Amino acid sequence: MNTPLESHDPYLRTYTEPEVSALLLELHERGKPFGIQWGSAAPNGSTIDGRLLVDFGDTSVATLLNLLALLRETGRPA
């Protein structure tokens, strides 16, 4: 497994709401076989220190990217 992203990684400041929305769509597709579904998850428009928050517990994009990395490593198609 790759090293998980930290929520304070400056790289995360580059993500836009449309990009995060696309990542959430991928999460929904990849997560279906595992029962991982957050139908209400969306970029919430809030930021902390320039980083967008994702509205499933106001988590950072790092959490979303780390979860997607784990799902991608399973080898199951989306």
C-alpha atoms as a PDB file:
ATOM      1  CA  MET A   1       0.000   0.000   0.000  1.00  0.00           C
ATOM      2  CA  ASN A   2       1.147   3.533  -0.686  1.00  0.00           C
ATOM      3  CA  THR A   3       1.813   5.853   2.207  1.00  0.00           C
ATOM      4  CA  PRO A   4      -1.487   7.458   3.256  1.00  0.00           C
ATOM      5  CA  LEU A   5      -1.913  11.150   2.631  1.00  0.00           C
ATOM      6  CA  GLU A   6      -1.949  13.380   5.678  1.00  0.00           C
ATOM      7  CA  SER A   7      -4.790  15.874   5.984  1.00  0.00           C
ATOM      8  CA  HIS A   8      -2.281  18.756   6.111  1.00  0.00           C
ATOM      9  CA  ASP A   9      -0.545  17.822   2.824  1.00  0.00           C
ATOM     10  CA  PRO A  10      -0.274  21.038   0.730  1.00  0.00           C
ATOM     11  CA  TYR A  11      -1.116  19.025  -2.411  1.00  0.00           C
ATOM     12  CA  LEU A  12      -4.696  18.712  -1.166  1.00  0.00           C
ATOM     13  CA  ARG A  13      -5.225  22.455  -1.603  1.00  0.00           C
ATOM     14  CA  THR A  14      -5.239  21.952  -5.373  1.00  0.00           C
ATOM     15  CA  TYR A  15      -8.508  19.980  -5.452  1.00  0.00           C
ATOM     16  CA  THR A  16     -11.598  21.805  -6.709  1.00  0.00           C
ATOM     17  CA  GLU A  17     -15.221  21.011  -5.904  1.00  0.00           C
ATOM     18  CA  PRO A  18     -15.806  19.415  -9.349  1.00  0.00           C
ATOM     19  CA  GLU A  19     -12.736  17.203  -8.854  1.00  0.00           C
ATOM     20  CA  VAL A  20     -13.907  16.144  -5.399  1.00  0.00           C
ATOM     21  CA  SER A  21     -17.375  15.424  -6.807  1.00  0.00           C
ATOM     22  CA  ALA A  22     -15.789  13.146  -9.427  1.00  0.00           C
ATOM     23  CA  LEU A  23     -13.797  11.361  -6.710  1.00  0.00           C
ATOM     24  CA  LEU A  24     -16.986  10.839  -4.721  1.00  0.00           C
ATOM     25  CA  LEU A  25     -18.656   9.295  -7.772  1.00  0.00           C
ATOM     26  CA  GLU A  26     -15.722   6.910  -8.056  1.00  0.00           C
ATOM     27  CA  LEU A  27     -16.019   6.107  -4.353  1.00  0.00           C
ATOM     28  CA  HIS A  28     -19.695   5.258  -4.801  1.00  0.00           C
ATOM     29  CA  GLU A  29     -18.936   2.929  -7.728  1.00  0.00           C
ATOM     30  CA  ARG A  30     -15.907   1.220  -6.187  1.00  0.00           C
ATOM     31  CA  GLY A  31     -17.522   1.011  -2.776  1.00  0.00           C
ATOM     32  CA  LYS A  32     -20.737  -0.725  -3.911  1.00  0.00           C
ATOM     33  CA  PRO A  33     -19.317  -4.280  -3.801  1.00  0.00           C
ATOM     34  CA  PHE A  34     -18.161  -3.623  -0.225  1.00  0.00           C
ATOM     35  CA  GLY A  35     -21.309  -1.897   0.980  1.00  0.00           C
ATOM     36  CA  ILE A  36     -19.453   1.418   1.212  1.00  0.00           C
ATOM     37  CA  GLN A  37     -21.982   3.999   0.168  1.00  0.00           C
ATOM     38  CA  TRP A  38     -22.406   7.580   1.260  1.00  0.00           C
ATOM     39  CA  GLY A  39     -25.253   8.841  -0.849  1.00  0.00           C
ATOM     40  CA  SER A  40     -25.199  12.171   0.928  1.00  0.00           C
ATOM     41  CA  ALA A  41     -21.428  12.705   0.645  1.00  0.00           C
ATOM     42  CA  ALA A  42     -20.570  15.872  -1.243  1.00  0.00           C
ATOM     43  CA  PRO A  43     -18.094  18.707  -1.158  1.00  0.00           C
ATOM     44  CA  ASN A  44     -19.613  20.964   1.472  1.00  0.00           C
ATOM     45  CA  GLY A  45     -18.031  24.194   0.275  1.00  0.00           C
ATOM     46  CA  SER A  46     -16.138  24.639   3.538  1.00  0.00           C
ATOM     47  CA  THR A  47     -12.403  24.774   3.769  1.00  0.00           C
ATOM     48  CA  ILE A  48      -9.795  24.522   6.484  1.00  0.00           C
ATOM     49  CA  ASP A  49      -6.554  26.266   5.635  1.00  0.00           C
ATOM     50  CA  GLY A  50      -7.419  26.128   1.923  1.00  0.00           C
ATOM     51  CA  ARG A  51      -8.414  22.447   1.895  1.00  0.00           C
ATOM     52  CA  LEU A  52     -11.945  21.459   0.877  1.00  0.00           C
ATOM     53  CA  LEU A  53     -13.993  19.391   3.293  1.00  0.00           C
ATOM     54  CA  VAL A  54     -16.158  16.482   2.210  1.00  0.00           C
ATOM     55  CA  ASP A  55     -19.538  16.285   3.845  1.00  0.00           C
ATOM     56  CA  PHE A  56     -19.579  12.884   5.499  1.00  0.00           C
ATOM     57  CA  GLY A  57     -18.506  13.944   8.918  1.00  0.00           C
ATOM     58  CA  ASP A  58     -16.661  17.013   7.561  1.00  0.00           C
ATOM     59  CA  THR A  59     -13.620  14.986   6.691  1.00  0.00           C
ATOM     60  CA  SER A  60     -10.746  16.149   4.548  1.00  0.00           C
ATOM     61  CA  VAL A  61     -10.097  15.185   0.950  1.00  0.00           C
ATOM     62  CA  ALA A  62      -7.160  13.133   2.286  1.00  0.00           C
ATOM     63  CA  THR A  63      -9.606  10.687   3.884  1.00  0.00           C
ATOM     64  CA  LEU A  64     -11.483  10.347   0.609  1.00  0.00           C
ATOM     65  CA  LEU A  65      -8.281   9.788  -1.374  1.00  0.00           C
ATOM     66  CA  ASN A  66      -6.940   7.260   1.144  1.00  0.00           C
ATOM     67  CA  LEU A  67     -10.194   5.288   1.056  1.00  0.00           C
ATOM     68  CA  LEU A  68     -10.170   5.307  -2.750  1.00  0.00           C
ATOM     69  CA  ALA A  69      -6.559   4.094  -2.755  1.00  0.00           C
ATOM     70  CA  LEU A  70      -7.557   1.120  -0.620  1.00  0.00           C
ATOM     71  CA  LEU A  71     -10.498   0.315  -2.872  1.00  0.00           C
ATOM     72  CA  ARG A  72      -8.335   0.605  -5.996  1.00  0.00           C
ATOM     73  CA  GLU A  73      -5.841  -1.843  -4.515  1.00  0.00           C
ATOM     74  CA  THR A  74      -8.495  -4.521  -4.154  1.00  0.00           C
ATOM     75  CA  GLY A  75      -8.298  -5.121  -7.893  1.00  0.00           C
ATOM     76  CA  ARG A  76     -12.044  -5.167  -8.308  1.00  0.00           C
ATOM     77  CA  PRO A  77     -13.296  -3.197 -11.280  1.00  0.00           C
ATOM     78  CA  ALA A  78     -15.432  -0.149 -10.655  1.00  0.00           C
END
